[in-house]
Amino acid sequence: LRTVGLPACAGQAPKAIHETCKFEACHCNKGCVADL
């Protein structure tokens, strides 16, 4: 995530992962890849 231009994370990711991302998607159960 720190390497790419647009880092994104699933909604249930730990707080530290959210903090390094530019886009926060929904929980993986709801289709977070589709969100991105």
PDB file of all heavy atoms in Angstrom:
ATOM      1  N   LEU A   1       0.814  -1.207   0.000  1.00  0.00           N
ATOM      2  CA  LEU A   1       0.000   0.000   0.000  1.00  0.00           C
ATOM      3  C   LEU A   1       0.854   1.266   0.000  1.00  0.00           C
ATOM      4  O   LEU A   1       0.478   2.276  -0.589  1.00  0.00           O
ATOM      5  CB  LEU A   1      -0.954  -0.014   1.190  1.00  0.00           C
ATOM      6  CG  LEU A   1      -1.983  -1.158   1.173  1.00  0.00           C
ATOM      7  CD1 LEU A   1      -2.767  -1.206   2.479  1.00  0.00           C
ATOM      8  CD2 LEU A   1      -2.926  -1.025  -0.024  1.00  0.00           C
ATOM      9  N   ARG A   2       2.003   1.194   0.631  1.00  0.00           N
ATOM     10  CA  ARG A   2       2.892   2.360   0.661  1.00  0.00           C
ATOM     11  C   ARG A   2       3.637   2.552  -0.658  1.00  0.00           C
ATOM     12  O   ARG A   2       4.227   3.607  -0.889  1.00  0.00           O
ATOM     13  CB  ARG A   2       3.902   2.212   1.803  1.00  0.00           C
ATOM     14  CG  ARG A   2       3.266   2.225   3.185  1.00  0.00           C
ATOM     15  CD  ARG A   2       4.303   2.119   4.263  1.00  0.00           C
ATOM     16  NE  ARG A   2       5.155   3.302   4.310  1.00  0.00           N
ATOM     17  CZ  ARG A   2       6.277   3.377   5.028  1.00  0.00           C
ATOM     18  NH1 ARG A   2       6.690   2.339   5.726  1.00  0.00           N
ATOM     19  NH2 ARG A   2       6.986   4.483   5.033  1.00  0.00           N
ATOM     20  N   THR A   3       3.583   1.539  -1.524  1.00  0.00           N
ATOM     21  CA  THR A   3       4.332   1.578  -2.785  1.00  0.00           C
ATOM     22  C   THR A   3       3.540   2.212  -3.915  1.00  0.00           C
ATOM     23  O   THR A   3       4.106   2.881  -4.782  1.00  0.00           O
ATOM     24  CB  THR A   3       4.735   0.140  -3.189  1.00  0.00           C
ATOM     25  OG1 THR A   3       5.558  -0.413  -2.159  1.00  0.00           O
ATOM     26  CG2 THR A   3       5.485   0.120  -4.509  1.00  0.00           C
ATOM     27  N   VAL A   4       2.214   2.016  -3.916  1.00  0.00           N
ATOM     28  CA  VAL A   4       1.402   2.381  -5.082  1.00  0.00           C
ATOM     29  C   VAL A   4       0.882   3.816  -5.005  1.00  0.00           C
ATOM     30  O   VAL A   4       0.916   4.449  -3.949  1.00  0.00           O
ATOM     31  CB  VAL A   4       0.224   1.396  -5.240  1.00  0.00           C
ATOM     32  CG1 VAL A   4       0.742  -0.035  -5.374  1.00  0.00           C
ATOM     33  CG2 VAL A   4      -0.756   1.492  -4.073  1.00  0.00           C
ATOM     34  N   GLY A   5       0.360   4.292  -6.136  1.00  0.00           N
ATOM     35  CA  GLY A   5      -0.154   5.656  -6.199  1.00  0.00           C
ATOM     36  C   GLY A   5      -1.485   5.835  -5.510  1.00  0.00           C
ATOM     37  O   GLY A   5      -1.759   6.890  -4.913  1.00  0.00           O
ATOM     38  N   LEU A   6      -2.358   4.801  -5.575  1.00  0.00           N
ATOM     39  CA  LEU A   6      -3.676   4.872  -4.958  1.00  0.00           C
ATOM     40  C   LEU A   6      -3.863   3.668  -4.033  1.00  0.00           C
ATOM     41  O   LEU A   6      -4.375   2.630  -4.432  1.00  0.00           O
ATOM     42  CB  LEU A   6      -4.775   4.896  -6.024  1.00  0.00           C
ATOM     43  CG  LEU A   6      -6.235   4.904  -5.527  1.00  0.00           C
ATOM     44  CD1 LEU A   6      -6.485   6.060  -4.563  1.00  0.00           C
ATOM     45  CD2 LEU A   6      -7.206   4.968  -6.708  1.00  0.00           C
ATOM     46  N   PRO A   7      -3.426   3.794  -2.770  1.00  0.00           N
ATOM     47  CA  PRO A   7      -3.616   2.712  -1.812  1.00  0.00           C
ATOM     48  C   PRO A   7      -5.039   2.727  -1.248  1.00  0.00           C
ATOM     49  O   PRO A   7      -5.582   3.788  -0.933  1.00  0.00           O
ATOM     50  CB  PRO A   7      -2.590   3.026  -0.724  1.00  0.00           C
ATOM     51  CG  PRO A   7      -2.427   4.520  -0.777  1.00  0.00           C
ATOM     52  CD  PRO A   7      -2.660   4.917  -2.214  1.00  0.00           C
ATOM     53  N   ALA A   8      -5.633   1.539  -1.143  1.00  0.00           N
ATOM     54  CA  ALA A   8      -7.001   1.417  -0.637  1.00  0.00           C
ATOM     55  C   ALA A   8      -7.070   0.245   0.334  1.00  0.00           C
ATOM     56  O   ALA A   8      -6.259  -0.686   0.266  1.00  0.00           O
ATOM     57  CB  ALA A   8      -7.980   1.201  -1.792  1.00  0.00           C
ATOM     58  N   CYS A   9      -8.061   0.275   1.217  1.00  0.00           N
ATOM     59  CA  CYS A   9      -8.179  -0.812   2.187  1.00  0.00           C
ATOM     60  C   CYS A   9      -9.630  -1.215   2.385  1.00  0.00           C
ATOM     61  O   CYS A   9     -10.558  -0.417   2.180  1.00  0.00           O
ATOM     62  CB  CYS A   9      -7.567  -0.431   3.526  1.00  0.00           C
ATOM     63  SG  CYS A   9      -8.379   0.953   4.355  1.00  0.00           S
ATOM     64  N   ALA A  10      -9.801  -2.464   2.791  1.00  0.00           N
ATOM     65  CA  ALA A  10     -11.115  -2.966   3.169  1.00  0.00           C
ATOM     66  C   ALA A  10     -11.549  -2.292   4.460  1.00  0.00           C
ATOM     67  O   ALA A  10     -10.718  -1.903   5.287  1.00  0.00           O
ATOM     68  CB  ALA A  10     -11.057  -4.476   3.341  1.00  0.00           C
ATOM     69  N   GLY A  11     -12.856  -2.186   4.638  1.00  0.00           N
ATOM     70  CA  GLY A  11     -13.379  -1.460   5.788  1.00  0.00           C
ATOM     71  C   GLY A  11     -12.952  -2.000   7.127  1.00  0.00           C
ATOM     72  O   GLY A  11     -12.819  -1.255   8.099  1.00  0.00           O
ATOM     73  N   GLN A  12     -12.717  -3.333   7.211  1.00  0.00           N
ATOM     74  CA  GLN A  12     -12.386  -3.952   8.498  1.00  0.00           C
ATOM     75  C   GLN A  12     -10.888  -3.931   8.800  1.00  0.00           C
ATOM     76  O   GLN A  12     -10.454  -4.467   9.820  1.00  0.00           O
ATOM     77  CB  GLN A  12     -12.888  -5.402   8.539  1.00  0.00           C
ATOM     78  CG  GLN A  12     -12.006  -6.433   7.831  1.00  0.00           C
ATOM     79  CD  GLN A  12     -12.150  -6.448   6.331  1.00  0.00           C
ATOM     80  OE1 GLN A  12     -12.923  -5.696   5.755  1.00  0.00           O
ATOM     81  NE2 GLN A  12     -11.419  -7.323   5.664  1.00  0.00           N
ATOM     82  N   ALA A  13     -10.087  -3.299   7.933  1.00  0.00           N
ATOM     83  CA  ALA A  13      -8.639  -3.262   8.135  1.00  0.00           C
ATOM     84  C   ALA A  13      -8.280  -2.533   9.431  1.00  0.00           C
ATOM     85  O   ALA A  13      -9.024  -1.652   9.885  1.00  0.00           O
ATOM     86  CB  ALA A  13      -7.974  -2.568   6.951  1.00  0.00           C
ATOM     87  N   PRO A  14      -7.141  -2.874  10.051  1.00  0.00           N
ATOM     88  CA  PRO A  14      -6.706  -2.172  11.262  1.00  0.00           C
ATOM     89  C   PRO A  14      -6.523  -0.678  11.021  1.00  0.00           C
ATOM     90  O   PRO A  14      -6.301  -0.237   9.887  1.00  0.00           O
ATOM     91  CB  PRO A  14      -5.362  -2.844  11.587  1.00  0.00           C
ATOM     92  CG  PRO A  14      -5.405  -4.165  10.908  1.00  0.00           C
ATOM     93  CD  PRO A  14      -6.215  -3.963   9.667  1.00  0.00           C
ATOM     94  N   LYS A  15      -6.608   0.076  12.076  1.00  0.00           N
ATOM     95  CA  LYS A  15      -6.532   1.536  11.999  1.00  0.00           C
ATOM     96  C   LYS A  15      -5.272   2.006  11.275  1.00  0.00           C
ATOM     97  O   LYS A  15      -5.324   2.932  10.462  1.00  0.00           O
ATOM     98  CB  LYS A  15      -6.567   2.134  13.416  1.00  0.00           C
ATOM     99  CG  LYS A  15      -6.536   3.658  13.442  1.00  0.00           C
ATOM    100  CD  LYS A  15      -6.564   4.195  14.860  1.00  0.00           C
ATOM    101  CE  LYS A  15      -6.478   5.718  14.871  1.00  0.00           C
ATOM    102  NZ  LYS A  15      -6.469   6.252  16.268  1.00  0.00           N
ATOM    103  N   ALA A  16      -4.128   1.374  11.550  1.00  0.00           N
ATOM    104  CA  ALA A  16      -2.869   1.795  10.932  1.00  0.00           C
ATOM    105  C   ALA A  16      -2.909   1.629   9.419  1.00  0.00           C
ATOM    106  O   ALA A  16      -2.298   2.421   8.688  1.00  0.00           O
ATOM    107  CB  ALA A  16      -1.704   0.994  11.514  1.00  0.00           C
ATOM    108  N   ILE A  17      -3.619   0.625   8.934  1.00  0.00           N
ATOM    109  CA  ILE A  17      -3.746   0.427   7.490  1.00  0.00           C
ATOM    110  C   ILE A  17      -4.642   1.510   6.890  1.00  0.00           C
ATOM    111  O   ILE A  17      -4.341   2.065   5.827  1.00  0.00           O
ATOM    112  CB  ILE A  17      -4.303  -0.979   7.178  1.00  0.00           C
ATOM    113  CG1 ILE A  17      -3.360  -2.055   7.735  1.00  0.00           C
ATOM    114  CG2 ILE A  17      -4.508  -1.167   5.680  1.00  0.00           C
ATOM    115  CD1 ILE A  17      -1.973  -2.028   7.156  1.00  0.00           C
ATOM    116  N   HIS A  18      -5.729   1.832   7.577  1.00  0.00           N
ATOM    117  CA  HIS A  18      -6.600   2.927   7.117  1.00  0.00           C
ATOM    118  C   HIS A  18      -5.809   4.234   6.987  1.00  0.00           C
ATOM    119  O   HIS A  18      -6.008   5.002   6.042  1.00  0.00           O
ATOM    120  CB  HIS A  18      -7.762   3.125   8.095  1.00  0.00           C
ATOM    121  CG  HIS A  18      -8.891   2.175   7.902  1.00  0.00           C
ATOM    122  ND1 HIS A  18      -9.960   2.436   7.080  1.00  0.00           N
ATOM    123  CD2 HIS A  18      -9.111   0.940   8.417  1.00  0.00           C
ATOM    124  CE1 HIS A  18     -10.802   1.418   7.093  1.00  0.00           C
ATOM    125  NE2 HIS A  18     -10.308   0.500   7.900  1.00  0.00           N
ATOM    126  N   GLU A  19      -4.924   4.463   7.926  1.00  0.00           N
ATOM    127  CA  GLU A  19      -4.199   5.731   7.963  1.00  0.00           C
ATOM    128  C   GLU A  19      -3.216   5.889   6.816  1.00  0.00           C
ATOM    129  O   GLU A  19      -2.843   7.010   6.460  1.00  0.00           O
ATOM    130  CB  GLU A  19      -3.470   5.875   9.302  1.00  0.00           C
ATOM    131  CG  GLU A  19      -4.429   6.108  10.470  1.00  0.00           C
ATOM    132  CD  GLU A  19      -3.725   6.109  11.819  1.00  0.00           C
ATOM    133  OE1 GLU A  19      -2.534   5.707  11.869  1.00  0.00           O
ATOM    134  OE2 GLU A  19      -4.364   6.489  12.818  1.00  0.00           O
ATOM    135  N   THR A  20      -2.789   4.794   6.208  1.00  0.00           N
ATOM    136  CA  THR A  20      -1.848   4.894   5.086  1.00  0.00           C
ATOM    137  C   THR A  20      -2.545   4.901   3.734  1.00  0.00           C
ATOM    138  O   THR A  20      -1.891   5.026   2.701  1.00  0.00           O
ATOM    139  CB  THR A  20      -0.819   3.738   5.145  1.00  0.00           C
ATOM    140  OG1 THR A  20       0.330   4.081   4.368  1.00  0.00           O
ATOM    141  CG2 THR A  20      -1.407   2.431   4.629  1.00  0.00           C
ATOM    142  N   CYS A  21      -3.890   4.785   3.740  1.00  0.00           N
ATOM    143  CA  CYS A  21      -4.639   4.660   2.480  1.00  0.00           C
ATOM    144  C   CYS A  21      -5.311   5.968   2.066  1.00  0.00           C
ATOM    145  O   CYS A  21      -5.721   6.766   2.907  1.00  0.00           O
ATOM    146  CB  CYS A  21      -5.700   3.565   2.614  1.00  0.00           C
ATOM    147  SG  CYS A  21      -4.971   1.909   2.636  1.00  0.00           S
ATOM    148  N   LYS A  22      -5.461   6.149   0.763  1.00  0.00           N
ATOM    149  CA  LYS A  22      -6.164   7.302   0.208  1.00  0.00           C
ATOM    150  C   LYS A  22      -7.646   7.007  -0.013  1.00  0.00           C
ATOM    151  O   LYS A  22      -8.452   7.933  -0.131  1.00  0.00           O
ATOM    152  CB  LYS A  22      -5.530   7.723  -1.124  1.00  0.00           C
ATOM    153  CG  LYS A  22      -4.117   8.253  -1.008  1.00  0.00           C
ATOM    154  CD  LYS A  22      -3.580   8.650  -2.377  1.00  0.00           C
ATOM    155  CE  LYS A  22      -2.189   9.232  -2.297  1.00  0.00           C
ATOM    156  NZ  LYS A  22      -1.638   9.583  -3.630  1.00  0.00           N
ATOM    157  N   PHE A  23      -7.982   5.721  -0.099  1.00  0.00           N
ATOM    158  CA  PHE A  23      -9.379   5.346  -0.326  1.00  0.00           C
ATOM    159  C   PHE A  23      -9.753   4.233   0.636  1.00  0.00           C
ATOM    160  O   PHE A  23      -9.063   3.223   0.734  1.00  0.00           O
ATOM    161  CB  PHE A  23      -9.588   4.871  -1.767  1.00  0.00           C
ATOM    162  CG  PHE A  23     -11.022   4.482  -2.071  1.00  0.00           C
ATOM    163  CD1 PHE A  23     -11.983   5.450  -2.319  1.00  0.00           C
ATOM    164  CD2 PHE A  23     -11.410   3.143  -2.079  1.00  0.00           C
ATOM    165  CE1 PHE A  23     -13.309   5.095  -2.579  1.00  0.00           C
ATOM    166  CE2 PHE A  23     -12.721   2.785  -2.340  1.00  0.00           C
ATOM    167  CZ  PHE A  23     -13.675   3.761  -2.591  1.00  0.00           C
ATOM    168  N   GLU A  24     -10.861   4.432   1.358  1.00  0.00           N
ATOM    169  CA  GLU A  24     -11.355   3.440   2.313  1.00  0.00           C
ATOM    170  C   GLU A  24     -12.639   2.836   1.771  1.00  0.00           C
ATOM    171  O   GLU A  24     -13.634   3.527   1.598  1.00  0.00           O
ATOM    172  CB  GLU A  24     -11.580   4.091   3.678  1.00  0.00           C
ATOM    173  CG  GLU A  24     -10.304   4.670   4.273  1.00  0.00           C
ATOM    174  CD  GLU A  24     -10.540   5.412   5.587  1.00  0.00           C
ATOM    175  OE1 GLU A  24     -11.035   4.781   6.533  1.00  0.00           O
ATOM    176  OE2 GLU A  24     -10.256   6.628   5.643  1.00  0.00           O
ATOM    177  N   ALA A  25     -12.583   1.549   1.484  1.00  0.00           N
ATOM    178  CA  ALA A  25     -13.729   0.833   0.918  1.00  0.00           C
ATOM    179  C   ALA A  25     -14.583   0.238   2.025  1.00  0.00           C
ATOM    180  O   ALA A  25     -14.278   0.356   3.214  1.00  0.00           O
ATOM    181  CB  ALA A  25     -13.237  -0.262  -0.026  1.00  0.00           C
ATOM    182  N   CYS A  26     -15.643  -0.431   1.623  1.00  0.00           N
ATOM    183  CA  CYS A  26     -16.529  -1.077   2.588  1.00  0.00           C
ATOM    184  C   CYS A  26     -15.896  -2.356   3.133  1.00  0.00           C
ATOM    185  O   CYS A  26     -14.808  -2.757   2.736  1.00  0.00           O
ATOM    186  CB  CYS A  26     -17.868  -1.401   1.918  1.00  0.00           C
ATOM    187  SG  CYS A  26     -17.728  -2.587   0.552  1.00  0.00           S
ATOM    188  N   HIS A  27     -16.581  -3.017   4.040  1.00  0.00           N
ATOM    189  CA  HIS A  27     -16.143  -4.298   4.591  1.00  0.00           C
ATOM    190  C   HIS A  27     -16.036  -5.317   3.462  1.00  0.00           C
ATOM    191  O   HIS A  27     -16.795  -5.280   2.487  1.00  0.00           O
ATOM    192  CB  HIS A  27     -17.161  -4.768   5.639  1.00  0.00           C
ATOM    193  CG  HIS A  27     -16.688  -5.911   6.482  1.00  0.00           C
ATOM    194  ND1 HIS A  27     -16.629  -7.211   6.019  1.00  0.00           N
ATOM    195  CD2 HIS A  27     -16.275  -5.949   7.780  1.00  0.00           C
ATOM    196  CE1 HIS A  27     -16.193  -8.009   6.978  1.00  0.00           C
ATOM    197  NE2 HIS A  27     -15.962  -7.267   8.049  1.00  0.00           N
ATOM    198  N   CYS A  28     -15.094  -6.233   3.587  1.00  0.00           N
ATOM    199  CA  CYS A  28     -14.886  -7.228   2.526  1.00  0.00           C
ATOM    200  C   CYS A  28     -16.139  -8.066   2.263  1.00  0.00           C
ATOM    201  O   CYS A  28     -16.345  -8.544   1.140  1.00  0.00           O
ATOM    202  CB  CYS A  28     -13.709  -8.139   2.858  1.00  0.00           C
ATOM    203  SG  CYS A  28     -13.953  -9.241   4.281  1.00  0.00           S
ATOM    204  N   ASN A  29     -16.975  -8.248   3.263  1.00  0.00           N
ATOM    205  CA  ASN A  29     -18.204  -9.031   3.075  1.00  0.00           C
ATOM    206  C   ASN A  29     -19.176  -8.357   2.107  1.00  0.00           C
ATOM    207  O   ASN A  29     -20.048  -9.013   1.533  1.00  0.00           O
ATOM    208  CB  ASN A  29     -18.910  -9.266   4.407  1.00  0.00           C
ATOM    209  CG  ASN A  29     -18.163 -10.239   5.300  1.00  0.00           C
ATOM    210  OD1 ASN A  29     -17.214 -10.894   4.866  1.00  0.00           O
ATOM    211  ND2 ASN A  29     -18.580 -10.340   6.550  1.00  0.00           N
ATOM    212  N   LYS A  30     -19.002  -7.045   1.926  1.00  0.00           N
ATOM    213  CA  LYS A  30     -19.933  -6.285   1.079  1.00  0.00           C
ATOM    214  C   LYS A  30     -19.362  -5.986  -0.311  1.00  0.00           C
ATOM    215  O   LYS A  30     -20.038  -5.352  -1.118  1.00  0.00           O
ATOM    216  CB  LYS A  30     -20.318  -4.977   1.780  1.00  0.00           C
ATOM    217  CG  LYS A  30     -21.064  -5.191   3.092  1.00  0.00           C
ATOM    218  CD  LYS A  30     -21.415  -3.859   3.748  1.00  0.00           C
ATOM    219  CE  LYS A  30     -22.175  -4.067   5.044  1.00  0.00           C
ATOM    220  NZ  LYS A  30     -22.506  -2.759   5.699  1.00  0.00           N
ATOM    221  N   GLY A  31     -18.122  -6.415  -0.580  1.00  0.00           N
ATOM    222  CA  GLY A  31     -17.551  -6.199  -1.909  1.00  0.00           C
ATOM    223  C   GLY A  31     -16.645  -4.995  -1.997  1.00  0.00           C
ATOM    224  O   GLY A  31     -16.883  -4.084  -2.794  1.00  0.00           O
ATOM    225  N   CYS A  32     -15.569  -4.990  -1.204  1.00  0.00           N
ATOM    226  CA  CYS A  32     -14.703  -3.804  -1.150  1.00  0.00           C
ATOM    227  C   CYS A  32     -13.931  -3.570  -2.442  1.00  0.00           C
ATOM    228  O   CYS A  32     -13.635  -2.421  -2.801  1.00  0.00           O
ATOM    229  CB  CYS A  32     -13.753  -3.890   0.043  1.00  0.00           C
ATOM    230  SG  CYS A  32     -12.628  -5.295   0.024  1.00  0.00           S
ATOM    231  N   VAL A  33     -13.602  -4.634  -3.176  1.00  0.00           N
ATOM    232  CA  VAL A  33     -12.894  -4.445  -4.447  1.00  0.00           C
ATOM    233  C   VAL A  33     -13.788  -3.694  -5.434  1.00  0.00           C
ATOM    234  O   VAL A  33     -13.327  -2.819  -6.172  1.00  0.00           O
ATOM    235  CB  VAL A  33     -12.439  -5.797  -5.029  1.00  0.00           C
ATOM    236  CG1 VAL A  33     -11.856  -5.622  -6.431  1.00  0.00           C
ATOM    237  CG2 VAL A  33     -11.402  -6.444  -4.101  1.00  0.00           C
ATOM    238  N   ALA A  34     -15.061  -4.017  -5.422  1.00  0.00           N
ATOM    239  CA  ALA A  34     -16.013  -3.299  -6.281  1.00  0.00           C
ATOM    240  C   ALA A  34     -16.064  -1.819  -5.919  1.00  0.00           C
ATOM    241  O   ALA A  34     -16.144  -0.959  -6.802  1.00  0.00           O
ATOM    242  CB  ALA A  34     -17.400  -3.921  -6.163  1.00  0.00           C
ATOM    243  N   ASP A  35     -16.013  -1.507  -4.623  1.00  0.00           N
ATOM    244  CA  ASP A  35     -15.983  -0.102  -4.200  1.00  0.00           C
ATOM    245  C   ASP A  35     -14.832   0.644  -4.873  1.00  0.00           C
ATOM    246  O   ASP A  35     -15.003   1.746  -5.400  1.00  0.00           O
ATOM    247  CB  ASP A  35     -15.802  -0.024  -2.674  1.00  0.00           C
ATOM    248  CG  ASP A  35     -17.111   0.210  -1.944  1.00  0.00           C
ATOM    249  OD1 ASP A  35     -18.175   0.133  -2.573  1.00  0.00           O
ATOM    250  OD2 ASP A  35     -17.068   0.459  -0.719  1.00  0.00           O
ATOM    251  N   LEU A  36     -13.639   0.044  -4.837  1.00  0.00           N
ATOM    252  CA  LEU A  36     -12.460   0.691  -5.422  1.00  0.00           C
ATOM    253  C   LEU A  36     -12.606   0.832  -6.936  1.00  0.00           C
ATOM    254  O   LEU A  36     -12.343   1.903  -7.500  1.00  0.00           O
ATOM    255  CB  LEU A  36     -11.205  -0.106  -5.086  1.00  0.00           C
ATOM    256  CG  LEU A  36      -9.908   0.365  -5.767  1.00  0.00           C
ATOM    257  CD1 LEU A  36      -9.584   1.810  -5.392  1.00  0.00           C
ATOM    258  CD2 LEU A  36      -8.754  -0.567  -5.419  1.00  0.00           C
TER     259      LEU A  36
END
